[in-house]
Amino acid sequence: MSSLASVVVFLTAAVIAVPIFTRFKMGAILGYLTAGLIIGPSVLGFISDPEDILHFAELGVVFLLFIIGLELEPEKLLRMRNKILFIGGGQLLLCALAIAIPLFLFDFSWQVSLVMSLALALSSTAFAIGLMEEKHILKSPLGQKGLSILLMQDIAVIPILLLVSSLSGAAAADSAPWWVGILAIAGVLLSGRYLINPVLSLMSRYGSSEVMTASALLIVIATAMLMQMAELSMGLGAFLAGVLLANSSFRHQLEVEIAPFKGLLLGLFFIAIGMNMDLKLFASNPYIVPMAVALVAVKALIIYFLVRANQEPGSHPVKLALMLSQGGEFAFVIFGVAIADGLLPEHITDQATLVVGISMALTSPLVMIYEYLQRKKHQAPAYDNEREETDPEVIIAGFGRFGQIAGRILSANNIRFTALDNNAEHIEFVKQFGNKVFYGDATQLKLLKAAGVDHARIMFIAADSDKHGLAIAKVVKEHYPHIRIIARAKSRLSVLQFRDLDVYTSVREMFDSSLYAAKLLLQEYGFDEARAENMVQVFKIHDEELLDKAYHKQHYDLDEVIKMSKQSRAELETLFKNDHEQDN
């Protein structure tokens, strides 16, 4: 089958299977796995080389780890270190021990038992993260414990691969020297710290949106390739790059650019896993399913007790334990290296691969059953729709002098906000004063989502251009009508246009300062402060009434505005005259 025909088959399988499984609340991931099983060699046989596709689709996991890294600032990662070491490390060691003992008792050598147990102890980062995002618990305290477990497992892949090579005696023959890996990691760290931000700033200033997309892809793929050349984990390299860019002004823009490719490649990854499942082996080995069930049960129990021991009172970590109970994609990588090094026989790894695939297929239904039982007990699934402590309550679109005043007051009152600006040069300037602002156009819905608009209560539109501000208001009102909007308006006409979008809280940027200046002017002219204040307030009330009248009559064109302005001036003169006569 040609490459183009293969793409058509993949897309058709995904388009048919995923909506069906999503419709019946079985999850998109199970849909991808089933689609892969059907089009693979075991059923219809449309695709004959699933292993090659799996290697390519692993880029989806790489992109996923990069985006996870973007959401973990170094300070936050440091705060999670105890969870990563104790919960993550404890899960890996206890699960590996629980799996190794029965393998050793069934007459496997200690080397085979060790490698198999470590590989099977790893959960699927792509699968578990996908489920946690789907169930809205990733950013909850419980979800962060699950993320800690997955991070520890991803970090452990490198030592496990080195252990496999050392046990097989293949390490000295063709492996890269130890210092190559250190240089690769140092290269990623230095590039993320000193090189990538200036390059992205240059691209945003002189390149197009397509160039920004290409830049984001280049960062991830080049990092992955560098780590692969050093015989290290591609995913770990991408994760490190993401962590280093978590404080970058381009963090949200990078996430938006990478997300579509991550989604497509992760879908392809799960399709490839489904294609690699050998149903013939399944039919000839009836104990495969009990082994998969046993793997899920052992891992779920260990994760449950570890999380429960480190969990605040009243929480229910059962759902998390089920989400992390499957075998992982890195097991396939470890099995491949172990076969190549002659440490594991191929028929054993074929059976283990099927066990991992079935454990993945069991995960979504088990989570669904748990949620169903919770609903039967009239309990909401634990931690659904939880907010993270760092989620913004306010989004500021435009961070010039106008927006910065609001940002400084919010910061002084410990109110969380995310500021967005589409001028990279301006961002670099304001960051020198300790402001946290990100590059991006707030009219892009995906960027707003990445910035945390789902959790925000207020949108403050402080864009320099009325046209841009109105475009932002239109997007927010269409997709997030519950969010309250405060908008900066440069003219009376803009105030009326914002009202057409149901944005009634708008601030004319010069109005209040002009009124204050007029008051000072009147005082210098000779009026006392009370008289000057009264004259200014009369003008303000009259002007706002004029705006209301113009809005209700839909008088937006310039000629009508001029005509109403002349009428207003005469009315205002009458008001001041009457006021003066009353005082006398």
Protein backbone atom coordinates (compact mmCIF):
# COMPACT_ATOMS: atom_id res chain seq x y z
CA MET A 1 0.00 0.00 0.00
CA SER A 2 1.31 3.46 -0.91
CA SER A 3 2.07 6.05 1.77
CA LEU A 4 -0.88 8.18 0.66
CA ALA A 5 -3.24 5.20 0.82
CA SER A 6 -1.94 4.34 4.30
CA VAL A 7 -2.69 7.89 5.47
CA VAL A 8 -6.24 7.56 4.08
CA VAL A 9 -6.68 4.25 5.97
CA PHE A 10 -5.42 5.77 9.27
CA LEU A 11 -7.61 8.85 8.98
CA THR A 12 -10.68 6.82 7.98
CA ALA A 13 -10.21 4.42 10.90
CA ALA A 14 -9.81 7.29 13.35
CA VAL A 15 -12.76 9.28 11.96
CA ILE A 16 -15.06 6.25 12.26
CA ALA A 17 -13.87 4.66 15.51
CA VAL A 18 -13.14 7.64 17.76
CA PRO A 19 -16.58 9.35 17.52
CA ILE A 20 -18.31 6.01 18.16
CA PHE A 21 -16.27 5.29 21.30
CA THR A 22 -16.57 8.89 22.48
CA ARG A 23 -20.33 8.81 21.92
CA PHE A 24 -20.64 5.79 24.25
CA LYS A 25 -18.24 7.42 26.76
CA MET A 26 -15.54 4.79 26.29
CA GLY A 27 -12.86 7.35 25.46
CA ALA A 28 -10.98 8.34 22.34
CA ILE A 29 -7.91 6.29 23.28
CA LEU A 30 -9.82 2.99 23.30
CA GLY A 31 -11.26 4.04 19.94
CA TYR A 32 -7.75 4.48 18.51
CA LEU A 33 -6.65 1.09 19.88
CA THR A 34 -9.68 -0.67 18.37
CA ALA A 35 -9.19 1.09 15.03
CA GLY A 36 -5.56 -0.06 14.95
CA LEU A 37 -6.52 -3.63 15.80
CA ILE A 38 -9.09 -3.75 12.98
CA ILE A 39 -6.87 -2.31 10.21
CA GLY A 40 -3.77 -4.19 11.41
CA PRO A 41 -2.38 -7.60 10.40
CA SER A 42 -4.57 -9.49 12.89
CA VAL A 43 -7.92 -8.54 11.29
CA LEU A 44 -8.21 -6.75 7.93
CA GLY A 45 -4.50 -6.53 7.20
CA PHE A 46 -4.59 -3.11 5.50
CA ILE A 47 -1.24 -2.23 7.10
CA SER A 48 1.57 -4.78 7.15
CA ASP A 49 4.37 -2.85 8.92
CA PRO A 50 2.94 -1.60 12.21
CA GLU A 51 6.33 -1.58 13.97
CA ASP A 52 7.74 1.03 11.58
CA ILE A 53 4.67 3.20 12.12
CA LEU A 54 5.00 2.81 15.89
CA HIS A 55 8.57 4.15 15.78
CA PHE A 56 7.42 7.24 13.86
CA ALA A 57 4.34 7.72 16.03
CA GLU A 58 6.52 7.82 19.18
CA LEU A 59 7.01 11.47 18.24
CA GLY A 60 3.51 11.97 19.66
CA VAL A 61 4.81 10.95 23.09
CA VAL A 62 7.78 13.29 22.58
CA PHE A 63 5.46 16.22 21.81
CA LEU A 64 3.30 15.30 24.80
CA LEU A 65 6.27 15.36 27.18
CA PHE A 66 7.38 18.71 25.74
CA ILE A 67 3.97 20.25 26.48
CA ILE A 68 3.98 18.71 29.98
CA GLY A 69 7.38 20.31 30.51
CA LEU A 70 6.01 23.70 29.39
CA GLU A 71 3.44 23.51 32.19
CA LEU A 72 6.05 22.70 34.84
CA GLU A 73 8.11 25.72 35.75
CA PRO A 74 11.46 24.78 37.41
CA GLU A 75 10.16 26.13 40.74
CA LYS A 76 7.06 23.95 40.47
CA LEU A 77 9.15 20.91 39.52
CA LEU A 78 11.30 21.56 42.58
CA ARG A 79 8.18 21.64 44.75
CA MET A 80 7.14 18.26 43.30
CA ARG A 81 10.49 16.59 44.01
CA ASN A 82 9.24 14.69 47.08
CA LYS A 83 6.21 13.37 45.19
CA ILE A 84 8.42 12.33 42.26
CA LEU A 85 10.99 10.59 44.46
CA PHE A 86 8.76 8.95 47.06
CA ILE A 87 5.45 8.29 45.32
CA GLY A 88 6.93 7.83 41.82
CA GLY A 89 10.01 5.94 42.97
CA GLY A 90 8.00 3.84 45.41
CA GLN A 91 5.51 2.87 42.71
CA LEU A 92 8.25 1.78 40.32
CA LEU A 93 10.17 -0.29 42.87
CA LEU A 94 7.15 -1.93 44.52
CA CYS A 95 5.46 -2.77 41.20
CA ALA A 96 8.71 -4.17 39.79
CA LEU A 97 9.17 -6.32 42.92
CA ALA A 98 5.56 -7.56 42.82
CA ILE A 99 5.95 -8.59 39.15
CA ALA A 100 9.49 -10.02 39.42
CA ILE A 101 8.76 -12.48 42.25
CA PRO A 102 6.15 -14.59 40.37
CA LEU A 103 8.25 -14.46 37.18
CA PHE A 104 11.26 -15.81 39.07
CA LEU A 105 9.10 -18.49 40.69
CA PHE A 106 8.02 -19.61 37.19
CA ASP A 107 11.65 -20.49 36.40
CA PHE A 108 12.63 -17.33 34.52
CA SER A 109 16.23 -16.28 35.13
CA TRP A 110 16.77 -13.37 37.48
CA GLN A 111 17.99 -11.24 34.56
CA VAL A 112 14.83 -11.86 32.52
CA SER A 113 12.62 -11.40 35.59
CA LEU A 114 14.30 -8.09 36.43
CA VAL A 115 14.05 -6.62 32.93
CA MET A 116 10.46 -7.82 32.39
CA SER A 117 9.31 -6.52 35.77
CA LEU A 118 10.87 -3.09 35.29
CA ALA A 119 9.35 -2.80 31.80
CA LEU A 120 5.88 -3.87 32.96
CA ALA A 121 6.03 -1.59 36.03
CA LEU A 122 6.04 1.44 33.70
CA SER A 123 2.66 2.98 32.94
CA SER A 124 1.71 4.67 29.69
CA THR A 125 2.42 8.40 29.93
CA ALA A 126 0.43 9.10 26.77
CA PHE A 127 -2.51 6.94 27.86
CA ALA A 128 -2.68 8.15 31.47
CA ILE A 129 -2.20 11.84 30.65
CA GLY A 130 -4.85 11.53 27.94
CA LEU A 131 -7.30 9.99 30.41
CA MET A 132 -6.56 12.54 33.12
CA GLU A 133 -7.11 15.39 30.65
CA GLU A 134 -10.29 13.72 29.40
CA LYS A 135 -11.62 13.40 32.96
CA HIS A 136 -10.41 16.88 33.99
CA ILE A 137 -8.24 15.84 36.91
CA LEU A 138 -4.73 16.48 35.54
CA LYS A 139 -4.36 19.86 37.28
CA SER A 140 -5.97 18.73 40.52
CA PRO A 141 -3.86 17.76 43.56
CA LEU A 142 -4.65 14.11 42.82
CA GLY A 143 -3.70 14.51 39.15
CA GLN A 144 -0.39 16.12 40.13
CA LYS A 145 0.47 12.99 42.15
CA GLY A 146 -0.27 10.90 39.07
CA LEU A 147 1.95 13.20 37.02
CA SER A 148 4.74 12.72 39.57
CA ILE A 149 4.53 8.95 39.12
CA LEU A 150 4.68 9.28 35.34
CA LEU A 151 7.61 11.71 35.45
CA MET A 152 9.59 9.33 37.65
CA GLN A 153 8.90 6.50 35.22
CA ASP A 154 10.01 8.58 32.22
CA ILE A 155 13.23 9.53 34.02
CA ALA A 156 13.82 5.87 34.95
CA VAL A 157 13.70 4.69 31.32
CA ILE A 158 17.33 5.71 30.71
CA PRO A 159 18.81 3.74 33.66
CA ILE A 160 16.63 0.75 32.75
CA LEU A 161 17.92 0.75 29.17
CA LEU A 162 21.50 1.01 30.46
CA LEU A 163 20.78 -1.90 32.80
CA VAL A 164 19.47 -4.01 29.90
CA SER A 165 22.63 -3.35 27.91
CA SER A 166 24.89 -4.13 30.85
CA LEU A 167 23.06 -7.39 31.65
CA SER A 168 23.37 -8.53 28.04
CA GLY A 169 27.02 -7.54 27.76
CA ALA A 170 26.26 -5.39 24.72
CA ALA A 171 27.07 -2.07 26.30
CA ALA A 172 30.76 -1.97 25.48
CA ALA A 173 30.45 -3.01 21.86
CA ASP A 174 28.42 -0.30 20.14
CA SER A 175 27.11 2.08 22.80
CA ALA A 176 28.09 5.73 22.81
CA PRO A 177 30.64 6.80 25.46
CA TRP A 178 29.17 7.95 28.77
CA TRP A 179 30.24 11.55 28.21
CA VAL A 180 28.14 11.83 25.01
CA GLY A 181 24.93 11.65 27.03
CA ILE A 182 26.20 14.31 29.45
CA LEU A 183 27.09 16.58 26.52
CA ALA A 184 23.65 16.04 24.96
CA ILE A 185 21.85 16.97 28.19
CA ALA A 186 24.14 20.00 28.65
CA GLY A 187 23.40 21.05 25.06
CA VAL A 188 19.65 20.91 25.71
CA LEU A 189 20.01 22.88 28.95
CA LEU A 190 22.18 25.59 27.42
CA SER A 191 20.03 25.92 24.29
CA GLY A 192 16.85 26.20 26.34
CA ARG A 193 18.45 28.79 28.61
CA TYR A 194 20.27 31.05 26.15
CA LEU A 195 19.44 30.25 22.50
CA ILE A 196 15.77 29.39 21.95
CA ASN A 197 14.17 32.56 23.36
CA PRO A 198 16.20 34.97 21.17
CA VAL A 199 15.46 32.83 18.10
CA LEU A 200 11.73 32.78 18.84
CA SER A 201 11.77 36.53 19.45
CA LEU A 202 13.39 37.02 16.04
CA MET A 203 10.85 34.72 14.37
CA SER A 204 7.90 36.52 15.97
CA ARG A 205 9.24 39.88 14.82
CA TYR A 206 10.12 39.05 11.22
CA GLY A 207 8.53 35.69 10.43
CA SER A 208 5.01 34.59 9.60
CA SER A 209 2.72 32.36 11.67
CA GLU A 210 3.90 29.38 9.58
CA VAL A 211 7.50 30.17 10.53
CA MET A 212 6.52 30.17 14.22
CA THR A 213 4.96 26.73 13.72
CA ALA A 214 8.12 25.51 11.99
CA SER A 215 10.25 26.95 14.82
CA ALA A 216 8.21 25.11 17.46
CA LEU A 217 8.48 21.81 15.59
CA LEU A 218 12.21 22.34 15.05
CA ILE A 219 12.80 22.84 18.78
CA VAL A 220 11.09 19.58 19.74
CA ILE A 221 12.34 17.37 16.91
CA ALA A 222 15.93 18.67 17.06
CA THR A 223 16.02 18.08 20.82
CA ALA A 224 14.62 14.57 20.41
CA MET A 225 17.12 13.78 17.66
CA LEU A 226 20.04 15.04 19.76
CA MET A 227 19.02 12.80 22.66
CA GLN A 228 18.48 9.82 20.34
CA MET A 229 21.97 10.27 18.87
CA ALA A 230 23.30 10.16 22.44
CA GLU A 231 21.28 6.94 22.99
CA LEU A 232 19.09 8.64 25.58
CA SER A 233 15.32 9.01 25.80
CA MET A 234 13.88 11.37 23.18
CA GLY A 235 10.99 12.09 25.51
CA LEU A 236 13.28 13.11 28.37
CA GLY A 237 15.07 15.59 26.11
CA ALA A 238 11.79 17.13 24.99
CA PHE A 239 10.59 17.27 28.60
CA LEU A 240 13.76 19.09 29.70
CA ALA A 241 13.41 21.57 26.84
CA GLY A 242 9.79 22.20 27.86
CA VAL A 243 10.72 22.79 31.52
CA LEU A 244 13.41 25.28 30.49
CA LEU A 245 10.89 27.16 28.35
CA ALA A 246 8.15 27.10 31.00
CA ASN A 247 9.10 30.65 32.07
CA SER A 248 9.48 31.84 28.48
CA SER A 249 7.25 34.56 27.05
CA PHE A 250 6.51 32.16 24.18
CA ARG A 251 5.30 29.31 26.39
CA HIS A 252 1.61 29.49 25.44
CA GLN A 253 2.37 30.15 21.77
CA LEU A 254 4.61 27.05 21.63
CA GLU A 255 1.88 24.97 23.26
CA VAL A 256 -0.66 26.17 20.68
CA GLU A 257 1.68 25.41 17.76
CA ILE A 258 2.62 21.92 18.98
CA ALA A 259 -0.81 20.76 20.22
CA PRO A 260 -2.33 19.74 16.83
CA PHE A 261 0.72 17.65 15.91
CA LYS A 262 0.75 16.10 19.37
CA GLY A 263 -2.89 15.10 19.06
CA LEU A 264 -2.53 13.56 15.59
CA LEU A 265 0.67 11.69 16.39
CA LEU A 266 -0.66 10.40 19.71
CA GLY A 267 -3.70 9.10 17.87
CA LEU A 268 -1.38 7.41 15.36
CA PHE A 269 0.66 6.03 18.28
CA PHE A 270 -2.35 4.29 19.81
CA ILE A 271 -3.47 3.04 16.39
CA ALA A 272 0.01 1.56 15.94
CA ILE A 273 -0.21 -0.15 19.35
CA GLY A 274 -3.54 -1.66 18.31
CA MET A 275 -1.99 -2.90 15.06
CA ASN A 276 0.85 -4.56 16.97
CA MET A 277 -1.56 -6.71 18.99
CA ASP A 278 -1.42 -10.28 17.64
CA LEU A 279 -4.84 -11.91 17.97
CA LYS A 280 -3.48 -15.30 16.87
CA LEU A 281 -1.17 -15.30 19.85
CA PHE A 282 -4.13 -14.23 21.96
CA ALA A 283 -6.18 -17.20 20.75
CA SER A 284 -3.38 -19.73 21.32
CA ASN A 285 -2.55 -18.46 24.82
CA PRO A 286 -5.72 -18.29 26.96
CA TYR A 287 -3.73 -17.12 29.98
CA ILE A 288 -2.86 -13.79 28.29
CA VAL A 289 -6.06 -12.09 29.52
CA PRO A 290 -5.66 -13.28 33.15
CA MET A 291 -2.05 -12.01 33.04
CA ALA A 292 -3.22 -8.59 31.79
CA VAL A 293 -5.91 -8.47 34.50
CA ALA A 294 -3.35 -9.47 37.13
CA LEU A 295 -0.96 -6.74 35.92
CA VAL A 296 -3.69 -4.11 36.15
CA ALA A 297 -4.82 -5.32 39.58
CA VAL A 298 -1.30 -5.40 41.08
CA LYS A 299 -0.36 -1.96 39.78
CA ALA A 300 -3.70 -0.41 40.75
CA LEU A 301 -3.46 -1.72 44.33
CA ILE A 302 0.11 -0.52 44.82
CA ILE A 303 -0.61 2.93 43.34
CA TYR A 304 -3.80 3.21 45.41
CA PHE A 305 -2.06 2.53 48.72
CA LEU A 306 0.90 4.80 47.89
CA VAL A 307 -1.32 7.71 46.88
CA ARG A 308 -3.69 7.10 49.80
CA ALA A 309 -0.75 7.18 52.22
CA ASN A 310 0.29 10.58 50.83
CA GLN A 311 -3.20 12.00 50.29
CA GLU A 312 -5.21 14.52 52.26
CA PRO A 313 -8.22 13.11 54.18
CA GLY A 314 -11.47 12.58 52.31
CA SER A 315 -10.02 12.05 48.83
CA HIS A 316 -10.56 8.99 46.66
CA PRO A 317 -7.46 7.91 44.67
CA VAL A 318 -9.14 4.83 43.15
CA LYS A 319 -9.71 6.57 39.82
CA LEU A 320 -6.06 7.61 39.59
CA ALA A 321 -4.88 4.09 40.44
CA LEU A 322 -7.02 2.68 37.62
CA MET A 323 -5.78 5.32 35.18
CA LEU A 324 -2.14 4.38 35.84
CA SER A 325 -2.64 0.61 36.07
CA GLN A 326 -1.82 -0.29 32.45
CA GLY A 327 1.51 -1.20 30.89
CA GLY A 328 3.33 1.58 29.04
CA GLU A 329 4.74 2.45 25.64
CA PHE A 330 8.30 2.41 26.99
CA ALA A 331 7.87 -1.32 27.66
CA PHE A 332 7.93 -1.79 23.86
CA VAL A 333 11.18 0.18 23.67
CA ILE A 334 12.78 -1.89 26.45
CA PHE A 335 11.59 -5.15 24.88
CA GLY A 336 13.07 -4.08 21.54
CA VAL A 337 16.47 -3.35 23.05
CA ALA A 338 16.39 -6.58 25.10
CA ILE A 339 15.63 -8.65 21.96
CA ALA A 340 18.35 -6.91 19.96
CA ASP A 341 20.85 -7.55 22.76
CA GLY A 342 19.80 -11.20 23.03
CA LEU A 343 18.60 -10.87 26.61
CA LEU A 344 14.92 -11.76 26.00
CA PRO A 345 13.52 -14.42 23.63
CA GLU A 346 11.14 -13.00 21.02
CA HIS A 347 8.18 -15.26 21.89
CA ILE A 348 8.25 -14.00 25.49
CA THR A 349 8.26 -10.35 24.44
CA ASP A 350 5.43 -11.00 21.96
CA GLN A 351 3.28 -12.29 24.80
CA ALA A 352 4.32 -9.40 27.06
CA THR A 353 3.49 -6.89 24.31
CA LEU A 354 0.00 -8.37 24.05
CA VAL A 355 -0.41 -8.19 27.83
CA VAL A 356 0.53 -4.49 27.73
CA GLY A 357 -1.90 -3.84 24.87
CA ILE A 358 -4.78 -5.60 26.64
CA SER A 359 -4.02 -3.74 29.89
CA MET A 360 -4.34 -0.48 27.95
CA ALA A 361 -7.66 -1.65 26.49
CA LEU A 362 -8.92 -2.48 30.01
CA THR A 363 -8.12 0.92 31.50
CA SER A 364 -10.89 3.08 30.01
CA PRO A 365 -13.70 0.57 30.74
CA LEU A 366 -12.48 0.17 34.34
CA VAL A 367 -12.50 3.95 34.86
CA MET A 368 -16.00 4.09 33.35
CA ILE A 369 -17.22 1.33 35.70
CA TYR A 370 -15.74 3.17 38.69
CA GLU A 371 -17.47 6.41 37.68
CA TYR A 372 -20.75 4.56 37.17
CA LEU A 373 -20.52 3.07 40.68
CA GLN A 374 -19.75 6.51 42.09
CA ARG A 375 -22.84 7.94 40.41
CA LYS A 376 -24.93 5.04 41.73
CA LYS A 377 -23.81 6.09 45.21
CA HIS A 378 -24.84 9.66 44.33
CA GLN A 379 -21.23 10.79 44.55
CA ALA A 380 -19.48 12.93 41.98
CA PRO A 381 -16.24 11.43 40.63
CA ALA A 382 -13.42 12.66 42.81
CA TYR A 383 -11.52 15.83 41.83
CA ASP A 384 -13.38 16.43 38.56
CA ASN A 385 -12.94 19.96 37.23
CA GLU A 386 -10.45 20.87 39.95
CA ARG A 387 -8.49 24.08 39.55
CA GLU A 388 -4.74 24.24 39.90
CA GLU A 389 -3.34 26.69 42.41
CA THR A 390 -1.66 28.67 39.61
CA ASP A 391 -4.67 28.93 37.28
CA PRO A 392 -5.37 32.59 36.50
CA GLU A 393 -8.50 34.34 37.67
CA VAL A 394 -7.98 37.26 35.29
CA ILE A 395 -6.70 37.39 31.70
CA ILE A 396 -5.19 40.72 30.60
CA ALA A 397 -5.10 41.06 26.81
CA GLY A 398 -2.57 43.77 26.00
CA PHE A 399 0.14 44.69 28.50
CA GLY A 400 1.17 48.21 27.60
CA ARG A 401 1.08 51.11 30.05
CA PHE A 402 -2.71 50.79 30.36
CA GLY A 403 -2.71 47.08 31.16
CA GLN A 404 0.36 47.19 33.40
CA ILE A 405 -1.31 49.45 35.98
CA ALA A 406 -4.07 46.87 36.47
CA GLY A 407 -1.49 44.06 36.53
CA ARG A 408 0.57 45.73 39.25
CA ILE A 409 -2.51 46.26 41.44
CA LEU A 410 -3.62 42.63 40.93
CA SER A 411 -0.13 41.38 41.85
CA ALA A 412 -0.04 43.53 44.97
CA ASN A 413 -3.29 41.88 46.06
CA ASN A 414 -2.14 38.32 45.18
CA ILE A 415 -4.79 37.95 42.46
CA ARG A 416 -3.57 35.49 39.82
CA PHE A 417 -3.58 36.73 36.23
CA THR A 418 -2.07 35.89 32.85
CA ALA A 419 -1.06 38.76 30.56
CA LEU A 420 -0.87 38.38 26.78
CA ASP A 421 0.72 40.74 24.28
CA ASN A 422 1.52 40.29 20.58
CA ASN A 423 4.59 42.53 20.54
CA ALA A 424 7.67 40.42 21.32
CA GLU A 425 9.95 43.46 21.63
CA HIS A 426 7.60 45.08 24.12
CA ILE A 427 7.39 41.86 26.14
CA GLU A 428 11.17 41.70 26.57
CA PHE A 429 11.13 45.29 27.86
CA VAL A 430 8.34 44.87 30.45
CA LYS A 431 9.81 41.57 31.72
CA GLN A 432 12.84 43.52 32.97
CA PHE A 433 10.56 45.01 35.63
CA GLY A 434 9.43 41.61 36.90
CA ASN A 435 6.18 41.43 34.91
CA LYS A 436 5.02 37.99 33.77
CA VAL A 437 3.63 38.36 30.26
CA PHE A 438 3.37 35.89 27.36
CA TYR A 439 3.61 36.34 23.62
CA GLY A 440 0.48 35.71 21.58
CA ASP A 441 -2.58 37.12 19.88
CA ALA A 442 -5.57 36.96 22.26
CA THR A 443 -7.97 36.59 19.31
CA GLN A 444 -6.73 32.98 18.94
CA LEU A 445 -9.05 30.69 20.87
CA LYS A 446 -6.40 27.98 21.31
CA LEU A 447 -3.99 30.50 22.79
CA LEU A 448 -6.64 31.71 25.24
CA LYS A 449 -7.23 28.11 26.31
CA ALA A 450 -3.49 27.58 26.81
CA ALA A 451 -3.37 30.78 28.89
CA GLY A 452 -6.07 29.40 31.22
CA VAL A 453 -9.21 31.20 30.06
CA ASP A 454 -11.28 28.15 31.08
CA HIS A 455 -10.61 29.02 34.72
CA ALA A 456 -10.70 32.84 34.46
CA ARG A 457 -13.51 34.96 35.88
CA ILE A 458 -12.64 38.25 34.19
CA MET A 459 -11.13 39.30 30.87
CA PHE A 460 -9.51 42.75 30.85
CA ILE A 461 -9.05 43.90 27.25
CA ALA A 462 -6.31 46.54 27.26
CA ALA A 463 -5.28 46.30 23.60
CA ASP A 464 -3.73 49.37 21.98
CA SER A 465 -6.05 49.05 18.98
CA ASP A 466 -9.84 49.31 19.27
CA LYS A 467 -10.16 46.99 16.27
CA HIS A 468 -8.04 44.36 18.02
CA GLY A 469 -9.90 44.81 21.30
CA LEU A 470 -13.27 44.35 19.60
CA ALA A 471 -12.00 41.17 17.90
CA ILE A 472 -10.89 39.77 21.27
CA ALA A 473 -14.25 40.64 22.85
CA LYS A 474 -16.09 38.90 20.01
CA VAL A 475 -14.09 35.66 20.48
CA VAL A 476 -14.51 35.64 24.27
CA LYS A 477 -18.24 36.45 24.14
CA GLU A 478 -18.84 33.71 21.57
CA HIS A 479 -17.01 30.93 23.43
CA TYR A 480 -17.05 32.10 27.07
CA PRO A 481 -20.21 34.17 27.56
CA HIS A 482 -20.01 33.74 31.35
CA ILE A 483 -16.70 35.62 31.62
CA ARG A 484 -17.07 39.26 32.62
CA ILE A 485 -15.27 41.64 30.25
CA ILE A 486 -13.77 45.03 31.01
CA ALA A 487 -12.61 46.76 27.83
CA ARG A 488 -10.37 49.69 27.03
CA ALA A 489 -11.97 52.02 24.44
CA LYS A 490 -10.16 54.81 22.64
CA SER A 491 -13.24 56.56 21.30
CA ARG A 492 -16.95 57.07 21.89
CA LEU A 493 -17.69 54.99 18.79
CA SER A 494 -15.72 52.06 20.26
CA VAL A 495 -17.82 52.21 23.43
CA LEU A 496 -20.94 51.80 21.30
CA GLN A 497 -19.39 48.92 19.33
CA PHE A 498 -18.43 47.13 22.56
CA ARG A 499 -22.03 47.51 23.73
CA ASP A 500 -23.17 45.80 20.52
CA LEU A 501 -21.15 42.79 21.76
CA ASP A 502 -22.87 42.96 25.18
CA VAL A 503 -19.75 44.47 26.75
CA TYR A 504 -21.14 47.30 28.86
CA THR A 505 -18.14 47.76 31.16
CA SER A 506 -15.79 49.77 28.96
CA VAL A 507 -13.32 52.45 29.97
CA ARG A 508 -12.56 55.43 27.73
CA GLU A 509 -8.83 55.65 28.25
CA MET A 510 -8.62 59.48 28.25
CA PHE A 511 -12.01 60.32 29.73
CA ASP A 512 -11.36 60.24 33.50
CA SER A 513 -7.93 61.86 33.21
CA SER A 514 -9.40 64.57 30.97
CA LEU A 515 -12.16 65.26 33.51
CA TYR A 516 -9.56 65.60 36.26
CA ALA A 517 -7.50 67.95 34.10
CA ALA A 518 -10.62 70.02 33.37
CA LYS A 519 -11.31 70.29 37.10
CA LEU A 520 -7.78 71.60 37.73
CA LEU A 521 -8.18 74.02 34.84
CA LEU A 522 -11.42 75.40 36.27
CA GLN A 523 -9.79 75.82 39.69
CA GLU A 524 -6.86 77.71 38.18
CA TYR A 525 -9.34 79.89 36.29
CA GLY A 526 -10.88 80.96 39.57
CA PHE A 527 -13.65 78.57 40.56
CA ASP A 528 -13.47 76.99 44.01
CA GLU A 529 -12.91 73.21 44.24
CA ALA A 530 -16.55 72.34 45.02
CA ARG A 531 -17.87 74.41 42.11
CA ALA A 532 -15.29 72.95 39.71
CA GLU A 533 -16.09 69.39 40.88
CA ASN A 534 -19.83 70.00 40.37
CA MET A 535 -19.29 71.35 36.83
CA VAL A 536 -17.18 68.33 35.91
CA GLN A 537 -19.78 65.91 37.31
CA VAL A 538 -22.59 67.64 35.40
CA PHE A 539 -20.59 67.25 32.21
CA LYS A 540 -19.79 63.58 32.95
CA ILE A 541 -23.44 62.64 33.60
CA HIS A 542 -24.61 64.51 30.53
CA ASP A 543 -21.95 62.90 28.33
CA GLU A 544 -22.87 59.39 29.52
CA GLU A 545 -26.55 60.10 28.85
CA LEU A 546 -25.59 61.22 25.35
CA LEU A 547 -23.75 57.95 24.80
CA ASP A 548 -26.81 55.98 25.93
CA LYS A 549 -29.02 57.98 23.58
CA ALA A 550 -26.64 57.36 20.67
CA TYR A 551 -26.58 53.63 21.44
CA HIS A 552 -30.36 53.25 21.58
CA LYS A 553 -30.82 55.26 18.38
CA GLN A 554 -27.95 53.38 16.67
CA HIS A 555 -26.38 56.69 15.61
CA TYR A 556 -22.89 55.40 14.83
CA ASP A 557 -21.98 57.28 11.65
CA LEU A 558 -19.89 60.45 11.91
CA ASP A 559 -22.50 62.92 10.56
CA GLU A 560 -25.06 61.80 13.13
CA VAL A 561 -22.50 61.96 15.91
CA ILE A 562 -21.60 65.56 14.92
CA LYS A 563 -25.28 66.53 14.80
CA MET A 564 -25.95 65.03 18.24
CA SER A 565 -22.81 66.68 19.59
CA LYS A 566 -24.03 70.14 18.56
CA GLN A 567 -27.41 69.48 20.19
CA SER A 568 -25.64 68.25 23.28
CA ARG A 569 -23.50 71.38 23.50
CA ALA A 570 -26.60 73.57 23.54
CA GLU A 571 -28.20 71.40 26.23
CA LEU A 572 -25.03 71.52 28.29
CA GLU A 573 -24.84 75.31 28.05
CA THR A 574 -28.42 75.49 29.31
CA LEU A 575 -27.57 73.18 32.24
CA PHE A 576 -24.57 75.27 33.27
CA LYS A 577 -26.58 78.51 32.89
CA ASN A 578 -29.40 77.19 35.07
CA ASP A 579 -26.91 75.92 37.61
CA HIS A 580 -25.18 79.32 37.74
CA GLU A 581 -28.52 81.17 38.18
CA GLN A 582 -29.48 78.88 41.07
CA ASP A 583 -26.20 79.61 42.81
CA ASN A 584 -26.77 83.34 42.45
